[in-house]
């Protein structure tokens, strides 16, 4: 089991990676949406989108694995990271 300090460092690193990949994904899709807000097929089939989406999925799953493997006490002790998780989830 990791300590609370190790958790904070790992969570900060993973959330930072998630923010970077989410920004990259938004940059790839910006201006390429249809009337309903869906990303066009040309963009979804491009190599840049696929690579960025794969990196974002890996970062998101890493955050999920970390949050699922830690004791719930850590999440209660550090509400700051809960707020970050809510912000990240609302962006995606």
PDB file of N, CA and C in Angstrom:
ATOM      1  N   UNK A   1       0.846  -1.178   0.000  1.00  0.00           N
ATOM      2  CA  UNK A   1       0.000   0.000   0.000  1.00  0.00           C
ATOM      3  C   UNK A   1       0.894   1.244   0.000  1.00  0.00           C
ATOM      4  N   UNK A   2       0.509   2.220  -0.780  1.00  0.00           N
ATOM      5  CA  UNK A   2       1.298   3.436  -0.857  1.00  0.00           C
ATOM      6  C   UNK A   2       0.904   4.383   0.274  1.00  0.00           C
ATOM      7  N   UNK A   3       1.831   5.251   0.617  1.00  0.00           N
ATOM      8  CA  UNK A   3       1.544   6.227   1.662  1.00  0.00           C
ATOM      9  C   UNK A   3       0.755   7.384   1.075  1.00  0.00           C
ATOM     10  N   UNK A   4       0.227   8.214   1.954  1.00  0.00           N
ATOM     11  CA  UNK A   4      -0.566   9.355   1.513  1.00  0.00           C
ATOM     12  C   UNK A   4       0.279  10.328   0.701  1.00  0.00           C
ATOM     13  N   UNK A   5       1.505  10.547   1.096  1.00  0.00           N
ATOM     14  CA  UNK A   5       2.394  11.456   0.372  1.00  0.00           C
ATOM     15  C   UNK A   5       2.710  10.908  -1.027  1.00  0.00           C
ATOM     16  N   UNK A   6       2.948   9.595  -1.113  1.00  0.00           N
ATOM     17  CA  UNK A   6       3.179   8.987  -2.419  1.00  0.00           C
ATOM     18  C   UNK A   6       1.946   9.117  -3.302  1.00  0.00           C
ATOM     19  N   UNK A   7       0.778   8.956  -2.695  1.00  0.00           N
ATOM     20  CA  UNK A   7      -0.470   9.106  -3.441  1.00  0.00           C
ATOM     21  C   UNK A   7      -0.601  10.516  -3.995  1.00  0.00           C
ATOM     22  N   UNK A   8      -0.316  11.530  -3.178  1.00  0.00           N
ATOM     23  CA  UNK A   8      -0.437  12.911  -3.638  1.00  0.00           C
ATOM     24  C   UNK A   8       0.483  13.189  -4.821  1.00  0.00           C
ATOM     25  N   UNK A   9       1.718  12.706  -4.748  1.00  0.00           N
ATOM     26  CA  UNK A   9       2.659  12.919  -5.841  1.00  0.00           C
ATOM     27  C   UNK A   9       2.205  12.205  -7.109  1.00  0.00           C
ATOM     28  N   UNK A  10       1.791  10.954  -6.958  1.00  0.00           N
ATOM     29  CA  UNK A  10       1.351  10.168  -8.114  1.00  0.00           C
ATOM     30  C   UNK A  10       0.081  10.762  -8.729  1.00  0.00           C
ATOM     31  N   UNK A  11      -0.858  11.187  -7.877  1.00  0.00           N
ATOM     32  CA  UNK A  11      -2.108  11.773  -8.377  1.00  0.00           C
ATOM     33  C   UNK A  11      -1.837  13.079  -9.106  1.00  0.00           C
ATOM     34  N   UNK A  12      -0.960  13.908  -8.576  1.00  0.00           N
ATOM     35  CA  UNK A  12      -0.637  15.174  -9.237  1.00  0.00           C
ATOM     36  C   UNK A  12      -0.027  14.916 -10.611  1.00  0.00           C
ATOM     37  N   UNK A  13       0.856  13.937 -10.690  1.00  0.00           N
ATOM     38  CA  UNK A  13       1.483  13.586 -11.958  1.00  0.00           C
ATOM     39  C   UNK A  13       0.448  13.070 -12.966  1.00  0.00           C
ATOM     40  N   UNK A  14      -0.426  12.174 -12.508  1.00  0.00           N
ATOM     41  CA  UNK A  14      -1.418  11.594 -13.415  1.00  0.00           C
ATOM     42  C   UNK A  14      -2.456  12.618 -13.863  1.00  0.00           C
ATOM     43  N   UNK A  15      -2.906  13.471 -12.949  1.00  0.00           N
ATOM     44  CA  UNK A  15      -3.878  14.495 -13.334  1.00  0.00           C
ATOM     45  C   UNK A  15      -3.256  15.518 -14.279  1.00  0.00           C
ATOM     46  N   UNK A  16      -1.976  15.814 -14.103  1.00  0.00           N
ATOM     47  CA  UNK A  16      -1.293  16.720 -15.018  1.00  0.00           C
ATOM     48  C   UNK A  16      -1.229  16.107 -16.412  1.00  0.00           C
ATOM     49  N   UNK A  17      -0.884  14.826 -16.500  1.00  0.00           N
ATOM     50  CA  UNK A  17      -0.852  14.129 -17.780  1.00  0.00           C
ATOM     51  C   UNK A  17      -2.232  14.110 -18.420  1.00  0.00           C
ATOM     52  N   UNK A  18      -3.256  13.899 -17.618  1.00  0.00           N
ATOM     53  CA  UNK A  18      -4.622  13.888 -18.128  1.00  0.00           C
ATOM     54  C   UNK A  18      -5.016  15.258 -18.674  1.00  0.00           C
ATOM     55  N   UNK A  19      -4.645  16.314 -17.985  1.00  0.00           N
ATOM     56  CA  UNK A  19      -4.942  17.667 -18.466  1.00  0.00           C
ATOM     57  C   UNK A  19      -4.233  17.961 -19.789  1.00  0.00           C
ATOM     58  N   UNK A  20      -2.984  17.529 -19.907  1.00  0.00           N
ATOM     59  CA  UNK A  20      -2.217  17.763 -21.132  1.00  0.00           C
ATOM     60  C   UNK A  20      -2.847  17.015 -22.302  1.00  0.00           C
ATOM     61  N   UNK A  21      -3.210  15.760 -22.093  1.00  0.00           N
ATOM     62  CA  UNK A  21      -3.802  14.987 -23.186  1.00  0.00           C
ATOM     63  C   UNK A  21      -5.195  15.506 -23.550  1.00  0.00           C
ATOM     64  N   UNK A  22      -5.945  15.970 -22.562  1.00  0.00           N
ATOM     65  CA  UNK A  22      -7.274  16.530 -22.851  1.00  0.00           C
ATOM     66  C   UNK A  22      -7.144  17.819 -23.656  1.00  0.00           C
ATOM     67  N   UNK A  23      -6.158  18.636 -23.330  1.00  0.00           N
ATOM     68  CA  UNK A  23      -5.929  19.865 -24.094  1.00  0.00           C
ATOM     69  C   UNK A  23      -5.522  19.545 -25.529  1.00  0.00           C
ATOM     70  N   UNK A  24      -4.688  18.531 -25.682  1.00  0.00           N
ATOM     71  CA  UNK A  24      -4.275  18.127 -27.025  1.00  0.00           C
ATOM     72  C   UNK A  24      -5.464  17.602 -27.823  1.00  0.00           C
ATOM     73  N   UNK A  25      -6.331  16.862 -27.185  1.00  0.00           N
ATOM     74  CA  UNK A  25      -7.518  16.332 -27.859  1.00  0.00           C
ATOM     75  C   UNK A  25      -8.463  17.460 -28.265  1.00  0.00           C
ATOM     76  N   UNK A  26      -8.629  18.442 -27.398  1.00  0.00           N
ATOM     77  CA  UNK A  26      -9.461  19.598 -27.747  1.00  0.00           C
ATOM     78  C   UNK A  26      -8.854  20.389 -28.900  1.00  0.00           C
ATOM     79  N   UNK A  27      -7.523  20.483 -28.934  1.00  0.00           N
ATOM     80  CA  UNK A  27      -6.854  21.217 -30.008  1.00  0.00           C
ATOM     81  C   UNK A  27      -7.054  20.518 -31.353  1.00  0.00           C
ATOM     82  N   UNK A  28      -7.033  19.197 -31.365  1.00  0.00           N
ATOM     83  CA  UNK A  28      -7.212  18.450 -32.605  1.00  0.00           C
ATOM     84  C   UNK A  28      -8.643  18.596 -33.119  1.00  0.00           C
ATOM     85  N   UNK A  29      -9.607  18.610 -32.211  1.00  0.00           N
ATOM     86  CA  UNK A  29     -11.010  18.643 -32.631  1.00  0.00           C
ATOM     87  C   UNK A  29     -11.584  20.049 -32.743  1.00  0.00           C
ATOM     88  N   UNK A  30     -10.863  21.050 -32.317  1.00  0.00           N
ATOM     89  CA  UNK A  30     -11.389  22.421 -32.319  1.00  0.00           C
ATOM     90  C   UNK A  30     -11.716  22.874 -33.735  1.00  0.00           C
ATOM     91  N   UNK A  31     -12.931  23.356 -33.895  1.00  0.00           N
ATOM     92  CA  UNK A  31     -13.357  23.862 -35.182  1.00  0.00           C
ATOM     93  C   UNK A  31     -13.754  22.784 -36.175  1.00  0.00           C
ATOM     94  N   UNK A  32     -13.703  21.538 -35.782  1.00  0.00           N
ATOM     95  CA  UNK A  32     -14.027  20.436 -36.682  1.00  0.00           C
ATOM     96  C   UNK A  32     -15.263  19.679 -36.222  1.00  0.00           C
ATOM     97  N   UNK A  33     -16.220  20.397 -35.669  1.00  0.00           N
ATOM     98  CA  UNK A  33     -17.436  19.751 -35.212  1.00  0.00           C
ATOM     99  C   UNK A  33     -18.608  20.150 -36.097  1.00  0.00           C
ATOM    100  N   UNK A  34     -19.582  19.270 -36.147  1.00  0.00           N
ATOM    101  CA  UNK A  34     -20.768  19.540 -36.941  1.00  0.00           C
ATOM    102  C   UNK A  34     -21.781  20.355 -36.162  1.00  0.00           C
ATOM    103  N   UNK A  35     -22.993  20.420 -36.699  1.00  0.00           N
ATOM    104  CA  UNK A  35     -24.049  21.229 -36.098  1.00  0.00           C
ATOM    105  C   UNK A  35     -24.441  20.721 -34.718  1.00  0.00           C
ATOM    106  N   UNK A  36     -24.353  19.425 -34.492  1.00  0.00           N
ATOM    107  CA  UNK A  36     -24.746  18.855 -33.206  1.00  0.00           C
ATOM    108  C   UNK A  36     -23.577  18.746 -32.236  1.00  0.00           C
ATOM    109  N   UNK A  37     -22.406  19.215 -32.625  1.00  0.00           N
ATOM    110  CA  UNK A  37     -21.247  19.187 -31.752  1.00  0.00           C
ATOM    111  C   UNK A  37     -20.422  17.919 -31.862  1.00  0.00           C
ATOM    112  N   UNK A  38     -20.766  17.050 -32.795  1.00  0.00           N
ATOM    113  CA  UNK A  38     -20.012  15.818 -32.992  1.00  0.00           C
ATOM    114  C   UNK A  38     -18.792  16.079 -33.868  1.00  0.00           C
ATOM    115  N   UNK A  39     -17.737  15.358 -33.599  1.00  0.00           N
ATOM    116  CA  UNK A  39     -16.514  15.494 -34.385  1.00  0.00           C
ATOM    117  C   UNK A  39     -16.739  14.833 -35.744  1.00  0.00           C
ATOM    118  N   UNK A  40     -16.280  15.482 -36.798  1.00  0.00           N
ATOM    119  CA  UNK A  40     -16.500  14.960 -38.147  1.00  0.00           C
ATOM    120  C   UNK A  40     -15.744  13.652 -38.367  1.00  0.00           C
ATOM    121  N   UNK A  41     -16.207  12.878 -39.316  1.00  0.00           N
ATOM    122  CA  UNK A  41     -15.605  11.576 -39.619  1.00  0.00           C
ATOM    123  C   UNK A  41     -14.172  11.713 -40.103  1.00  0.00           C
ATOM    124  N   UNK A  42     -13.900  12.765 -40.883  1.00  0.00           N
ATOM    125  CA  UNK A  42     -12.537  12.947 -41.391  1.00  0.00           C
ATOM    126  C   UNK A  42     -11.546  13.115 -40.239  1.00  0.00           C
ATOM    127  N   UNK A  43     -11.958  13.870 -39.233  1.00  0.00           N
ATOM    128  CA  UNK A  43     -11.073  14.104 -38.086  1.00  0.00           C
ATOM    129  C   UNK A  43     -10.935  12.829 -37.264  1.00  0.00           C
ATOM    130  N   UNK A  44     -12.046  12.134 -37.024  1.00  0.00           N
ATOM    131  CA  UNK A  44     -11.996  10.904 -36.226  1.00  0.00           C
ATOM    132  C   UNK A  44     -11.153   9.826 -36.879  1.00  0.00           C
ATOM    133  N   UNK A  45     -11.068   9.821 -38.195  1.00  0.00           N
ATOM    134  CA  UNK A  45     -10.281   8.813 -38.908  1.00  0.00           C
ATOM    135  C   UNK A  45      -8.836   9.230 -39.129  1.00  0.00           C
ATOM    136  N   UNK A  46      -8.483  10.445 -38.750  1.00  0.00           N
ATOM    137  CA  UNK A  46      -7.107  10.909 -38.952  1.00  0.00           C
ATOM    138  C   UNK A  46      -6.170  10.271 -37.931  1.00  0.00           C
ATOM    139  N   UNK A  47      -4.907  10.155 -38.320  1.00  0.00           N
ATOM    140  CA  UNK A  47      -3.897   9.551 -37.447  1.00  0.00           C
ATOM    141  C   UNK A  47      -3.653  10.408 -36.207  1.00  0.00           C
ATOM    142  N   UNK A  48      -3.688  11.726 -36.370  1.00  0.00           N
ATOM    143  CA  UNK A  48      -3.439  12.621 -35.234  1.00  0.00           C
ATOM    144  C   UNK A  48      -4.520  12.443 -34.165  1.00  0.00           C
ATOM    145  N   UNK A  49      -5.763  12.359 -34.583  1.00  0.00           N
ATOM    146  CA  UNK A  49      -6.856  12.181 -33.626  1.00  0.00           C
ATOM    147  C   UNK A  49      -6.745  10.833 -32.921  1.00  0.00           C
ATOM    148  N   UNK A  50      -6.473   9.781 -33.689  1.00  0.00           N
ATOM    149  CA  UNK A  50      -6.381   8.440 -33.098  1.00  0.00           C
ATOM    150  C   UNK A  50      -5.255   8.362 -32.071  1.00  0.00           C
ATOM    151  N   UNK A  51      -4.108   8.935 -32.388  1.00  0.00           N
ATOM    152  CA  UNK A  51      -2.975   8.921 -31.456  1.00  0.00           C
ATOM    153  C   UNK A  51      -3.289   9.724 -30.198  1.00  0.00           C
ATOM    154  N   UNK A  52      -3.895  10.886 -30.384  1.00  0.00           N
ATOM    155  CA  UNK A  52      -4.238  11.738 -29.247  1.00  0.00           C
ATOM    156  C   UNK A  52      -5.307  11.086 -28.387  1.00  0.00           C
ATOM    157  N   UNK A  53      -6.297  10.495 -29.009  1.00  0.00           N
ATOM    158  CA  UNK A  53      -7.376   9.821 -28.281  1.00  0.00           C
ATOM    159  C   UNK A  53      -6.831   8.633 -27.493  1.00  0.00           C
ATOM    160  N   UNK A  54      -5.908   7.883 -28.087  1.00  0.00           N
ATOM    161  CA  UNK A  54      -5.309   6.742 -27.396  1.00  0.00           C
ATOM    162  C   UNK A  54      -4.511   7.204 -26.174  1.00  0.00           C
ATOM    163  N   UNK A  55      -3.756   8.284 -26.328  1.00  0.00           N
ATOM    164  CA  UNK A  55      -2.983   8.821 -25.199  1.00  0.00           C
ATOM    165  C   UNK A  55      -3.922   9.303 -24.091  1.00  0.00           C
ATOM    166  N   UNK A  56      -5.026   9.939 -24.476  1.00  0.00           N
ATOM    167  CA  UNK A  56      -5.991  10.420 -23.486  1.00  0.00           C
ATOM    168  C   UNK A  56      -6.653   9.253 -22.762  1.00  0.00           C
ATOM    169  N   UNK A  57      -7.009   8.210 -23.473  1.00  0.00           N
ATOM    170  CA  UNK A  57      -7.629   7.040 -22.839  1.00  0.00           C
ATOM    171  C   UNK A  57      -6.671   6.370 -21.856  1.00  0.00           C
ATOM    172  N   UNK A  58      -5.399   6.278 -22.227  1.00  0.00           N
ATOM    173  CA  UNK A  58      -4.403   5.693 -21.321  1.00  0.00           C
ATOM    174  C   UNK A  58      -4.255   6.529 -20.061  1.00  0.00           C
ATOM    175  N   UNK A  59      -4.215   7.847 -20.206  1.00  0.00           N
ATOM    176  CA  UNK A  59      -4.081   8.727 -19.045  1.00  0.00           C
ATOM    177  C   UNK A  59      -5.319   8.633 -18.159  1.00  0.00           C
ATOM    178  N   UNK A  60      -6.487   8.604 -18.761  1.00  0.00           N
ATOM    179  CA  UNK A  60      -7.740   8.513 -18.008  1.00  0.00           C
ATOM    180  C   UNK A  60      -7.813   7.195 -17.238  1.00  0.00           C
ATOM    181  N   UNK A  61      -7.446   6.110 -17.887  1.00  0.00           N
ATOM    182  CA  UNK A  61      -7.474   4.806 -17.221  1.00  0.00           C
ATOM    183  C   UNK A  61      -6.436   4.711 -16.108  1.00  0.00           C
ATOM    184  N   UNK A  62      -5.302   5.381 -16.270  1.00  0.00           N
ATOM    185  CA  UNK A  62      -4.297   5.389 -15.203  1.00  0.00           C
ATOM    186  C   UNK A  62      -4.836   6.097 -13.963  1.00  0.00           C
ATOM    187  N   UNK A  63      -5.562   7.203 -14.169  1.00  0.00           N
ATOM    188  CA  UNK A  63      -6.172   7.921 -13.048  1.00  0.00           C
ATOM    189  C   UNK A  63      -7.230   7.041 -12.379  1.00  0.00           C
ATOM    190  N   UNK A  64      -8.039   6.358 -13.176  1.00  0.00           N
ATOM    191  CA  UNK A  64      -9.071   5.471 -12.627  1.00  0.00           C
ATOM    192  C   UNK A  64      -8.454   4.349 -11.800  1.00  0.00           C
ATOM    193  N   UNK A  65      -7.372   3.753 -12.313  1.00  0.00           N
ATOM    194  CA  UNK A  65      -6.715   2.672 -11.586  1.00  0.00           C
ATOM    195  C   UNK A  65      -6.144   3.159 -10.252  1.00  0.00           C
ATOM    196  N   UNK A  66      -5.527   4.329 -10.273  1.00  0.00           N
ATOM    197  CA  UNK A  66      -4.976   4.874  -9.032  1.00  0.00           C
ATOM    198  C   UNK A  66      -6.089   5.142  -8.022  1.00  0.00           C
ATOM    199  N   UNK A  67      -7.142   5.811  -8.466  1.00  0.00           N
ATOM    200  CA  UNK A  67      -8.225   6.151  -7.542  1.00  0.00           C
ATOM    201  C   UNK A  67      -8.958   4.913  -7.035  1.00  0.00           C
ATOM    202  N   UNK A  68      -8.995   3.861  -7.827  1.00  0.00           N
ATOM    203  CA  UNK A  68      -9.652   2.637  -7.387  1.00  0.00           C
ATOM    204  C   UNK A  68      -8.807   1.797  -6.452  1.00  0.00           C
ATOM    205  N   UNK A  69      -7.496   2.009  -6.469  1.00  0.00           N
ATOM    206  CA  UNK A  69      -6.614   1.158  -5.676  1.00  0.00           C
ATOM    207  C   UNK A  69      -6.210   1.757  -4.335  1.00  0.00           C
ATOM    208  N   UNK A  70      -6.527   3.010  -4.094  1.00  0.00           N
ATOM    209  CA  UNK A  70      -6.105   3.644  -2.847  1.00  0.00           C
ATOM    210  C   UNK A  70      -7.189   3.506  -1.787  1.00  0.00           C
ATOM    211  N   UNK A  71      -6.807   3.602  -0.527  1.00  0.00           N
ATOM    212  CA  UNK A  71      -7.826   3.592   0.529  1.00  0.00           C
ATOM    213  C   UNK A  71      -8.717   4.830   0.440  1.00  0.00           C
ATOM    214  N   UNK A  72      -9.966   4.671   0.761  1.00  0.00           N
ATOM    215  CA  UNK A  72     -10.922   5.783   0.689  1.00  0.00           C
ATOM    216  C   UNK A  72     -10.544   6.895   1.659  1.00  0.00           C
ATOM    217  N   UNK A  73      -9.812   6.570   2.688  1.00  0.00           N
ATOM    218  CA  UNK A  73      -9.367   7.579   3.646  1.00  0.00           C
ATOM    219  C   UNK A  73      -8.522   8.651   2.953  1.00  0.00           C
ATOM    220  N   UNK A  74      -7.715   8.259   1.976  1.00  0.00           N
ATOM    221  CA  UNK A  74      -6.883   9.224   1.270  1.00  0.00           C
ATOM    222  C   UNK A  74      -7.746  10.237   0.522  1.00  0.00           C
ATOM    223  N   UNK A  75      -8.809   9.767  -0.086  1.00  0.00           N
ATOM    224  CA  UNK A  75      -9.685  10.676  -0.810  1.00  0.00           C
ATOM    225  C   UNK A  75     -10.392  11.625   0.148  1.00  0.00           C
ATOM    226  N   UNK A  76     -10.759  11.142   1.304  1.00  0.00           N
ATOM    227  CA  UNK A  76     -11.406  12.011   2.295  1.00  0.00           C
ATOM    228  C   UNK A  76     -10.414  13.028   2.846  1.00  0.00           C
ATOM    229  N   UNK A  77      -9.174  12.614   3.041  1.00  0.00           N
ATOM    230  CA  UNK A  77      -8.173  13.511   3.615  1.00  0.00           C
ATOM    231  C   UNK A  77      -7.763  14.607   2.648  1.00  0.00           C
ATOM    232  N   UNK A  78      -7.902  14.365   1.395  1.00  0.00           N
ATOM    233  CA  UNK A  78      -7.420  15.339   0.429  1.00  0.00           C
ATOM    234  C   UNK A  78      -8.526  15.686  -0.563  1.00  0.00           C
ATOM    235  N   UNK A  79      -9.424  16.530  -0.183  1.00  0.00           N
ATOM    236  CA  UNK A  79     -10.571  16.908  -1.023  1.00  0.00           C
ATOM    237  C   UNK A  79     -10.143  17.658  -2.279  1.00  0.00           C
ATOM    238  N   UNK A  80      -8.964  18.234  -2.265  1.00  0.00           N
ATOM    239  CA  UNK A  80      -8.475  18.971  -3.437  1.00  0.00           C
ATOM    240  C   UNK A  80      -8.456  18.061  -4.658  1.00  0.00           C
ATOM    241  N   UNK A  81      -7.997  16.836  -4.496  1.00  0.00           N
ATOM    242  CA  UNK A  81      -7.915  15.920  -5.626  1.00  0.00           C
ATOM    243  C   UNK A  81      -9.293  15.452  -6.071  1.00  0.00           C
ATOM    244  N   UNK A  82     -10.256  15.434  -5.166  1.00  0.00           N
ATOM    245  CA  UNK A  82     -11.622  15.120  -5.571  1.00  0.00           C
ATOM    246  C   UNK A  82     -12.159  16.220  -6.467  1.00  0.00           C
ATOM    247  N   UNK A  83     -11.882  17.478  -6.137  1.00  0.00           N
ATOM    248  CA  UNK A  83     -12.336  18.592  -6.970  1.00  0.00           C
ATOM    249  C   UNK A  83     -11.684  18.557  -8.343  1.00  0.00           C
ATOM    250  N   UNK A  84     -10.413  18.181  -8.393  1.00  0.00           N
ATOM    251  CA  UNK A  84      -9.720  18.066  -9.676  1.00  0.00           C
ATOM    252  C   UNK A  84     -10.385  16.968 -10.522  1.00  0.00           C
ATOM    253  N   UNK A  85     -10.725  15.857  -9.888  1.00  0.00           N
ATOM    254  CA  UNK A  85     -11.347  14.744 -10.619  1.00  0.00           C
ATOM    255  C   UNK A  85     -12.696  15.175 -11.180  1.00  0.00           C
ATOM    256  N   UNK A  86     -13.438  15.967 -10.449  1.00  0.00           N
ATOM    257  CA  UNK A  86     -14.742  16.444 -10.934  1.00  0.00           C
ATOM    258  C   UNK A  86     -14.545  17.387 -12.115  1.00  0.00           C
ATOM    259  N   UNK A  87     -13.545  18.276 -12.035  1.00  0.00           N
ATOM    260  CA  UNK A  87     -13.286  19.207 -13.139  1.00  0.00           C
ATOM    261  C   UNK A  87     -12.874  18.453 -14.392  1.00  0.00           C
ATOM    262  N   UNK A  88     -12.013  17.459 -14.227  1.00  0.00           N
ATOM    263  CA  UNK A  88     -11.532  16.684 -15.370  1.00  0.00           C
ATOM    264  C   UNK A  88     -12.690  15.912 -15.996  1.00  0.00           C
ATOM    265  N   UNK A  89     -13.544  15.325 -15.165  1.00  0.00           N
ATOM    266  CA  UNK A  89     -14.669  14.547 -15.689  1.00  0.00           C
ATOM    267  C   UNK A  89     -15.662  15.440 -16.436  1.00  0.00           C
ATOM    268  N   UNK A  90     -15.818  16.669 -15.988  1.00  0.00           N
ATOM    269  CA  UNK A  90     -16.766  17.562 -16.660  1.00  0.00           C
ATOM    270  C   UNK A  90     -16.213  18.069 -17.993  1.00  0.00           C
ATOM    271  N   UNK A  91     -14.885  18.077 -18.155  1.00  0.00           N
ATOM    272  CA  UNK A  91     -14.275  18.521 -19.408  1.00  0.00           C
ATOM    273  C   UNK A  91     -14.366  17.453 -20.482  1.00  0.00           C
ATOM    274  N   UNK A  92     -14.369  16.203 -20.062  1.00  0.00           N
ATOM    275  CA  UNK A  92     -14.337  15.094 -21.030  1.00  0.00           C
ATOM    276  C   UNK A  92     -15.672  14.752 -21.530  1.00  0.00           C
TER     277      UNK A  92
END
